[in-house]
Amino acid sequence: MKPSRSLILEQGLRATFHTILLFSVFLFFAGHNAPGGGFPAGLVAGAAFVLRFVTVGTAGLPRVAPAVLCGAGLVLAAATGFGSWPFGGQFLESAILHVHLPVIGEVKTSTVAFFDAGVYLIVVGLVTGILRYLGSEPEEAEEPT
């Protein structure tokens, strides 16, 4: 017997899912110059995917494989850590970047933002990987011959 779906949960999630992800992006940018940022933002995004998983199952999860998200996040975080070595810095030494964008003007950011982006991807990848594992069908045990 297939469990019944909750109309209230579906409509509530439809109204709030993108807002939760937007809040996750806000947390990411609010904390990229301070400790934390990538981790709490990734947890909030993971919570949004948990709600979606509870509502529609594995079909509501991102189509990107969790291993790809975790791997990309790990490479980005490590590359940020090693990025200061060619310039004589220490591992994970941060720098301030000034970028001029055509419409916006000059934008100041820190290399810590790239490290936090890697942590964000790792956390979201881990949460979606756990959810995919929980939502998968159990493998049928082979009968002994």
N, C-alpha and C. Protein backbone atom coordinates (compact mmCIF):
# COMPACT_ATOMS: atom_id res chain seq x y z
N MET A 1 0.83 -1.17 0.00
CA MET A 1 0.00 0.00 0.00
C MET A 1 0.89 1.24 0.00
N LYS A 2 0.60 2.17 -0.90
CA LYS A 2 1.37 3.39 -1.03
C LYS A 2 0.87 4.42 -0.01
N PRO A 3 1.78 5.06 0.74
CA PRO A 3 1.33 6.04 1.74
C PRO A 3 0.70 7.25 1.05
N SER A 4 -0.26 7.84 1.74
CA SER A 4 -0.94 9.02 1.16
C SER A 4 -0.04 10.24 1.28
N ARG A 5 -0.22 11.15 0.34
CA ARG A 5 0.58 12.37 0.33
C ARG A 5 -0.16 13.47 1.08
N SER A 6 0.59 14.34 1.70
CA SER A 6 0.02 15.44 2.47
C SER A 6 -0.08 16.68 1.58
N LEU A 7 -1.30 17.09 1.30
CA LEU A 7 -1.51 18.27 0.47
C LEU A 7 -1.01 19.54 1.17
N ILE A 8 -1.19 19.61 2.47
CA ILE A 8 -0.75 20.78 3.23
C ILE A 8 0.77 20.89 3.20
N LEU A 9 1.45 19.77 3.40
CA LEU A 9 2.92 19.78 3.36
C LEU A 9 3.43 20.15 1.96
N GLU A 10 2.80 19.61 0.92
CA GLU A 10 3.22 19.92 -0.44
C GLU A 10 3.07 21.40 -0.76
N GLN A 11 1.94 21.98 -0.41
CA GLN A 11 1.71 23.40 -0.69
C GLN A 11 2.59 24.29 0.18
N GLY A 12 2.79 23.90 1.43
CA GLY A 12 3.68 24.67 2.30
C GLY A 12 5.11 24.66 1.80
N LEU A 13 5.56 23.49 1.33
CA LEU A 13 6.91 23.40 0.80
C LEU A 13 7.04 24.18 -0.50
N ARG A 14 6.01 24.11 -1.34
CA ARG A 14 6.04 24.86 -2.60
C ARG A 14 6.18 26.35 -2.33
N ALA A 15 5.58 26.82 -1.25
CA ALA A 15 5.65 28.25 -0.92
C ALA A 15 6.96 28.64 -0.25
N THR A 16 7.62 27.70 0.43
CA THR A 16 8.78 28.08 1.24
C THR A 16 10.12 27.54 0.75
N PHE A 17 10.14 26.56 -0.15
CA PHE A 17 11.40 25.92 -0.53
C PHE A 17 12.41 26.93 -1.08
N HIS A 18 12.00 27.74 -2.02
CA HIS A 18 12.93 28.71 -2.63
C HIS A 18 13.33 29.80 -1.64
N THR A 19 12.43 30.14 -0.73
CA THR A 19 12.76 31.12 0.30
C THR A 19 13.83 30.57 1.24
N ILE A 20 13.74 29.29 1.58
CA ILE A 20 14.74 28.67 2.45
C ILE A 20 16.10 28.65 1.74
N LEU A 21 16.10 28.31 0.45
CA LEU A 21 17.37 28.32 -0.30
C LEU A 21 17.94 29.73 -0.41
N LEU A 22 17.08 30.73 -0.58
CA LEU A 22 17.54 32.11 -0.64
C LEU A 22 18.13 32.54 0.71
N PHE A 23 17.51 32.10 1.80
CA PHE A 23 18.06 32.39 3.12
C PHE A 23 19.42 31.71 3.30
N SER A 24 19.56 30.53 2.71
CA SER A 24 20.84 29.84 2.74
C SER A 24 21.92 30.66 2.03
N VAL A 25 21.58 31.22 0.89
CA VAL A 25 22.53 32.07 0.17
C VAL A 25 22.86 33.32 0.99
N PHE A 26 21.85 33.89 1.65
CA PHE A 26 22.09 35.05 2.52
C PHE A 26 23.07 34.70 3.63
N LEU A 27 22.86 33.53 4.28
CA LEU A 27 23.78 33.11 5.34
C LEU A 27 25.19 32.92 4.81
N PHE A 28 25.28 32.40 3.59
CA PHE A 28 26.60 32.20 2.99
C PHE A 28 27.32 33.53 2.83
N PHE A 29 26.67 34.52 2.25
CA PHE A 29 27.33 35.80 2.01
C PHE A 29 27.47 36.63 3.28
N ALA A 30 26.60 36.44 4.25
CA ALA A 30 26.71 37.19 5.50
C ALA A 30 27.90 36.71 6.32
N GLY A 31 28.29 35.45 6.17
CA GLY A 31 29.35 34.93 7.00
C GLY A 31 30.66 34.67 6.29
N HIS A 32 30.80 35.07 5.01
CA HIS A 32 32.04 34.69 4.32
C HIS A 32 33.24 35.50 4.77
N ASN A 33 33.04 36.61 5.44
CA ASN A 33 34.17 37.35 6.01
C ASN A 33 34.30 37.10 7.50
N ALA A 34 33.41 36.32 8.05
CA ALA A 34 33.43 35.98 9.47
C ALA A 34 33.50 34.46 9.58
N PRO A 35 33.79 33.95 10.76
CA PRO A 35 33.81 32.49 10.90
C PRO A 35 32.43 31.91 10.60
N GLY A 36 32.43 30.80 9.91
CA GLY A 36 31.17 30.19 9.51
C GLY A 36 30.64 30.87 8.27
N GLY A 37 29.66 30.38 7.71
CA GLY A 37 29.11 30.93 6.48
C GLY A 37 28.76 29.79 5.56
N GLY A 38 29.74 29.01 5.19
CA GLY A 38 29.52 27.88 4.31
C GLY A 38 28.83 26.73 5.02
N PHE A 39 29.22 26.47 6.26
CA PHE A 39 28.64 25.34 6.98
C PHE A 39 27.19 25.59 7.37
N PRO A 40 26.86 26.69 8.06
CA PRO A 40 25.45 26.90 8.41
C PRO A 40 24.57 27.09 7.17
N ALA A 41 25.10 27.73 6.14
CA ALA A 41 24.32 27.89 4.92
C ALA A 41 24.06 26.54 4.26
N GLY A 42 25.04 25.66 4.28
CA GLY A 42 24.85 24.32 3.73
C GLY A 42 23.85 23.52 4.54
N LEU A 43 23.85 23.70 5.86
CA LEU A 43 22.87 23.00 6.69
C LEU A 43 21.45 23.49 6.42
N VAL A 44 21.29 24.78 6.21
CA VAL A 44 19.95 25.31 5.91
C VAL A 44 19.49 24.80 4.55
N ALA A 45 20.38 24.79 3.55
CA ALA A 45 20.02 24.23 2.25
C ALA A 45 19.71 22.74 2.37
N GLY A 46 20.48 22.03 3.18
CA GLY A 46 20.22 20.62 3.42
C GLY A 46 18.86 20.40 4.07
N ALA A 47 18.48 21.29 4.99
CA ALA A 47 17.17 21.18 5.63
C ALA A 47 16.05 21.38 4.60
N ALA A 48 16.28 22.28 3.64
CA ALA A 48 15.28 22.47 2.59
C ALA A 48 15.13 21.19 1.76
N PHE A 49 16.24 20.53 1.47
CA PHE A 49 16.17 19.28 0.71
C PHE A 49 15.57 18.14 1.54
N VAL A 50 15.77 18.17 2.86
CA VAL A 50 15.13 17.18 3.72
C VAL A 50 13.62 17.35 3.66
N LEU A 51 13.14 18.59 3.73
CA LEU A 51 11.71 18.83 3.61
C LEU A 51 11.17 18.36 2.26
N ARG A 52 11.93 18.62 1.22
CA ARG A 52 11.50 18.19 -0.11
C ARG A 52 11.50 16.66 -0.21
N PHE A 53 12.47 16.02 0.40
CA PHE A 53 12.55 14.57 0.40
C PHE A 53 11.35 13.96 1.13
N VAL A 54 10.99 14.56 2.27
CA VAL A 54 9.85 14.06 3.03
C VAL A 54 8.56 14.22 2.23
N THR A 55 8.50 15.27 1.42
CA THR A 55 7.28 15.54 0.66
C THR A 55 7.17 14.68 -0.59
N VAL A 56 8.21 14.66 -1.44
CA VAL A 56 8.09 13.98 -2.74
C VAL A 56 9.07 12.84 -2.92
N GLY A 57 9.91 12.55 -1.95
CA GLY A 57 10.86 11.45 -2.07
C GLY A 57 12.12 11.87 -2.81
N THR A 58 12.82 10.90 -3.36
CA THR A 58 14.11 11.18 -4.01
C THR A 58 13.95 11.99 -5.29
N ALA A 59 12.76 12.08 -5.84
CA ALA A 59 12.55 12.89 -7.04
C ALA A 59 12.76 14.37 -6.77
N GLY A 60 12.66 14.79 -5.52
CA GLY A 60 12.83 16.19 -5.17
C GLY A 60 14.26 16.60 -4.89
N LEU A 61 15.18 15.66 -4.95
CA LEU A 61 16.59 15.96 -4.68
C LEU A 61 17.27 16.46 -5.96
N PRO A 62 18.40 17.17 -5.81
CA PRO A 62 19.12 17.63 -7.01
C PRO A 62 19.55 16.46 -7.88
N ARG A 63 19.58 16.69 -9.19
CA ARG A 63 19.94 15.63 -10.12
C ARG A 63 21.45 15.35 -10.14
N VAL A 64 22.22 16.26 -9.56
CA VAL A 64 23.68 16.08 -9.50
C VAL A 64 23.98 15.02 -8.45
N ALA A 65 24.88 14.12 -8.79
CA ALA A 65 25.25 13.06 -7.86
C ALA A 65 25.91 13.66 -6.62
N PRO A 66 25.57 13.15 -5.43
CA PRO A 66 26.18 13.69 -4.21
C PRO A 66 27.69 13.58 -4.19
N ALA A 67 28.24 12.55 -4.80
CA ALA A 67 29.70 12.41 -4.84
C ALA A 67 30.34 13.54 -5.65
N VAL A 68 29.65 13.98 -6.69
CA VAL A 68 30.15 15.10 -7.51
C VAL A 68 30.14 16.38 -6.70
N LEU A 69 29.07 16.62 -5.93
CA LEU A 69 29.00 17.82 -5.10
C LEU A 69 30.10 17.81 -4.03
N CYS A 70 30.25 16.67 -3.36
CA CYS A 70 31.29 16.57 -2.32
C CYS A 70 32.68 16.71 -2.91
N GLY A 71 32.92 16.07 -4.05
CA GLY A 71 34.23 16.14 -4.69
C GLY A 71 34.57 17.54 -5.16
N ALA A 72 33.59 18.21 -5.78
CA ALA A 72 33.82 19.58 -6.24
C ALA A 72 34.07 20.52 -5.06
N GLY A 73 33.33 20.31 -3.98
CA GLY A 73 33.54 21.14 -2.79
C GLY A 73 34.90 20.91 -2.16
N LEU A 74 35.32 19.66 -2.12
CA LEU A 74 36.64 19.34 -1.55
C LEU A 74 37.76 19.92 -2.40
N VAL A 75 37.64 19.81 -3.71
CA VAL A 75 38.65 20.37 -4.61
C VAL A 75 38.70 21.89 -4.47
N LEU A 76 37.53 22.54 -4.42
CA LEU A 76 37.49 23.99 -4.28
C LEU A 76 38.09 24.45 -2.96
N ALA A 77 37.76 23.76 -1.87
CA ALA A 77 38.30 24.15 -0.57
C ALA A 77 39.81 23.92 -0.51
N ALA A 78 40.27 22.80 -1.05
CA ALA A 78 41.72 22.53 -1.05
C ALA A 78 42.46 23.49 -1.95
N ALA A 79 41.90 23.79 -3.12
CA ALA A 79 42.55 24.74 -4.03
C ALA A 79 42.65 26.12 -3.41
N THR A 80 41.64 26.50 -2.64
CA THR A 80 41.71 27.78 -1.94
C THR A 80 42.82 27.76 -0.89
N GLY A 81 42.97 26.63 -0.21
CA GLY A 81 44.02 26.52 0.80
C GLY A 81 45.41 26.58 0.20
N PHE A 82 45.59 25.89 -0.94
CA PHE A 82 46.91 25.85 -1.58
C PHE A 82 47.17 27.08 -2.45
N GLY A 83 46.14 27.89 -2.70
CA GLY A 83 46.28 29.02 -3.62
C GLY A 83 47.25 30.10 -3.17
N SER A 84 47.51 30.18 -1.89
CA SER A 84 48.42 31.23 -1.42
C SER A 84 49.89 30.81 -1.49
N TRP A 85 50.16 29.53 -1.68
CA TRP A 85 51.54 29.07 -1.72
C TRP A 85 52.36 29.66 -2.86
N PRO A 86 51.85 29.79 -4.08
CA PRO A 86 52.69 30.38 -5.14
C PRO A 86 53.09 31.83 -4.87
N PHE A 87 52.36 32.50 -3.99
CA PHE A 87 52.67 33.90 -3.68
C PHE A 87 53.42 34.04 -2.37
N GLY A 88 53.94 32.92 -1.85
CA GLY A 88 54.74 32.95 -0.63
C GLY A 88 53.93 32.96 0.65
N GLY A 89 52.63 32.71 0.58
CA GLY A 89 51.80 32.70 1.77
C GLY A 89 51.74 31.32 2.40
N GLN A 90 51.05 31.25 3.50
CA GLN A 90 50.88 29.98 4.20
C GLN A 90 49.57 29.33 3.75
N PHE A 91 49.41 28.06 4.13
CA PHE A 91 48.20 27.32 3.79
C PHE A 91 46.98 28.03 4.38
N LEU A 92 45.96 28.23 3.58
CA LEU A 92 44.70 28.89 3.95
C LEU A 92 44.86 30.35 4.34
N GLU A 93 45.93 30.99 3.91
CA GLU A 93 46.07 32.43 4.16
C GLU A 93 45.13 33.16 3.22
N SER A 94 44.36 34.09 3.76
CA SER A 94 43.35 34.74 2.94
C SER A 94 43.88 36.03 2.33
N ALA A 95 43.20 36.44 1.27
CA ALA A 95 43.54 37.69 0.60
C ALA A 95 42.24 38.38 0.19
N ILE A 96 42.31 39.68 0.02
CA ILE A 96 41.16 40.46 -0.42
C ILE A 96 41.26 40.65 -1.93
N LEU A 97 40.17 40.37 -2.61
CA LEU A 97 40.12 40.53 -4.07
C LEU A 97 39.22 41.70 -4.42
N HIS A 98 39.69 42.54 -5.34
CA HIS A 98 38.89 43.65 -5.86
C HIS A 98 38.60 43.35 -7.33
N VAL A 99 37.31 43.23 -7.66
CA VAL A 99 36.90 42.91 -9.02
C VAL A 99 35.97 44.01 -9.51
N HIS A 100 36.20 44.48 -10.73
CA HIS A 100 35.31 45.49 -11.31
C HIS A 100 34.34 44.82 -12.27
N LEU A 101 33.06 44.88 -11.94
CA LEU A 101 32.00 44.33 -12.78
C LEU A 101 31.35 45.44 -13.57
N PRO A 102 31.00 45.20 -14.85
CA PRO A 102 30.50 46.27 -15.70
C PRO A 102 29.29 47.03 -15.16
N VAL A 103 28.27 46.38 -14.71
CA VAL A 103 27.05 47.06 -14.28
C VAL A 103 27.10 47.43 -12.80
N ILE A 104 27.67 46.57 -11.99
CA ILE A 104 27.65 46.75 -10.54
C ILE A 104 28.73 47.71 -10.07
N GLY A 105 29.88 47.66 -10.68
CA GLY A 105 31.01 48.48 -10.25
C GLY A 105 32.04 47.61 -9.55
N GLU A 106 32.77 48.18 -8.60
CA GLU A 106 33.81 47.43 -7.91
C GLU A 106 33.22 46.60 -6.78
N VAL A 107 33.61 45.33 -6.75
CA VAL A 107 33.15 44.41 -5.73
C VAL A 107 34.38 43.90 -4.98
N LYS A 108 34.30 43.95 -3.65
CA LYS A 108 35.40 43.47 -2.82
C LYS A 108 34.97 42.15 -2.19
N THR A 109 35.80 41.14 -2.32
CA THR A 109 35.52 39.85 -1.70
C THR A 109 36.82 39.27 -1.16
N SER A 110 36.68 38.22 -0.41
CA SER A 110 37.82 37.57 0.21
C SER A 110 37.94 36.16 -0.34
N THR A 111 39.14 35.62 -0.29
CA THR A 111 39.32 34.25 -0.74
C THR A 111 38.64 33.26 0.20
N VAL A 112 38.28 33.71 1.39
CA VAL A 112 37.55 32.87 2.33
C VAL A 112 36.20 32.47 1.74
N ALA A 113 35.63 33.32 0.89
CA ALA A 113 34.34 33.01 0.26
C ALA A 113 34.45 31.75 -0.60
N PHE A 114 35.58 31.54 -1.26
CA PHE A 114 35.75 30.35 -2.10
C PHE A 114 35.88 29.09 -1.23
N PHE A 115 36.57 29.23 -0.10
CA PHE A 115 36.67 28.11 0.83
C PHE A 115 35.29 27.76 1.38
N ASP A 116 34.52 28.79 1.76
CA ASP A 116 33.17 28.56 2.26
C ASP A 116 32.26 27.94 1.20
N ALA A 117 32.47 28.30 -0.06
CA ALA A 117 31.69 27.69 -1.14
C ALA A 117 31.99 26.19 -1.23
N GLY A 118 33.24 25.83 -1.02
CA GLY A 118 33.60 24.41 -1.01
C GLY A 118 32.95 23.68 0.15
N VAL A 119 32.95 24.29 1.33
CA VAL A 119 32.30 23.69 2.50
C VAL A 119 30.81 23.56 2.26
N TYR A 120 30.20 24.57 1.66
CA TYR A 120 28.77 24.56 1.34
C TYR A 120 28.44 23.37 0.43
N LEU A 121 29.24 23.18 -0.61
CA LEU A 121 29.01 22.07 -1.52
C LEU A 121 29.18 20.72 -0.83
N ILE A 122 30.17 20.60 0.04
CA ILE A 122 30.38 19.35 0.77
C ILE A 122 29.18 19.03 1.66
N VAL A 123 28.70 20.01 2.40
CA VAL A 123 27.58 19.78 3.31
C VAL A 123 26.31 19.41 2.53
N VAL A 124 26.01 20.15 1.46
CA VAL A 124 24.82 19.83 0.66
C VAL A 124 24.97 18.45 0.02
N GLY A 125 26.17 18.11 -0.44
CA GLY A 125 26.40 16.80 -1.03
C GLY A 125 26.22 15.68 -0.02
N LEU A 126 26.70 15.88 1.21
CA LEU A 126 26.53 14.87 2.25
C LEU A 126 25.06 14.67 2.62
N VAL A 127 24.34 15.77 2.77
CA VAL A 127 22.92 15.66 3.14
C VAL A 127 22.14 14.97 2.02
N THR A 128 22.36 15.37 0.77
CA THR A 128 21.62 14.73 -0.32
C THR A 128 22.05 13.28 -0.51
N GLY A 129 23.30 12.97 -0.23
CA GLY A 129 23.74 11.58 -0.31
C GLY A 129 23.06 10.72 0.74
N ILE A 130 22.95 11.23 1.95
CA ILE A 130 22.25 10.49 3.00
C ILE A 130 20.79 10.29 2.63
N LEU A 131 20.17 11.34 2.09
CA LEU A 131 18.76 11.22 1.70
C LEU A 131 18.57 10.23 0.56
N ARG A 132 19.48 10.22 -0.40
CA ARG A 132 19.38 9.23 -1.48
C ARG A 132 19.53 7.81 -0.94
N TYR A 133 20.41 7.65 0.02
CA TYR A 133 20.59 6.33 0.62
C TYR A 133 19.35 5.90 1.39
N LEU A 134 18.77 6.83 2.13
CA LEU A 134 17.56 6.50 2.90
C LEU A 134 16.37 6.21 1.98
N GLY A 135 16.34 6.85 0.82
CA GLY A 135 15.21 6.67 -0.09
C GLY A 135 15.37 5.54 -1.07
N SER A 136 16.51 4.89 -1.08
CA SER A 136 16.73 3.82 -2.06
C SER A 136 16.06 2.54 -1.59
N GLU A 137 15.73 1.72 -2.54
CA GLU A 137 15.13 0.42 -2.24
C GLU A 137 16.20 -0.50 -1.68
N PRO A 138 15.84 -1.30 -0.68
CA PRO A 138 16.85 -2.24 -0.15
C PRO A 138 17.17 -3.31 -1.20
N GLU A 139 18.42 -3.67 -1.23
CA GLU A 139 18.83 -4.69 -2.18
C GLU A 139 18.30 -6.05 -1.72
N GLU A 140 17.81 -6.81 -2.67
CA GLU A 140 17.28 -8.10 -2.32
C GLU A 140 18.42 -9.06 -2.00
N ALA A 141 18.27 -9.74 -0.92
CA ALA A 141 19.30 -10.69 -0.51
C ALA A 141 19.28 -11.89 -1.43
N GLU A 142 20.47 -12.32 -1.81
CA GLU A 142 20.55 -13.49 -2.67
C GLU A 142 20.27 -14.73 -1.82
N GLU A 143 19.49 -15.60 -2.40
CA GLU A 143 19.19 -16.85 -1.70
C GLU A 143 20.39 -17.78 -1.83
N PRO A 144 20.75 -18.42 -0.72
CA PRO A 144 21.89 -19.37 -0.81
C PRO A 144 21.51 -20.57 -1.65
N THR A 145 22.44 -21.03 -2.45
CA THR A 145 22.17 -22.19 -3.32
C THR A 145 22.75 -23.46 -2.77
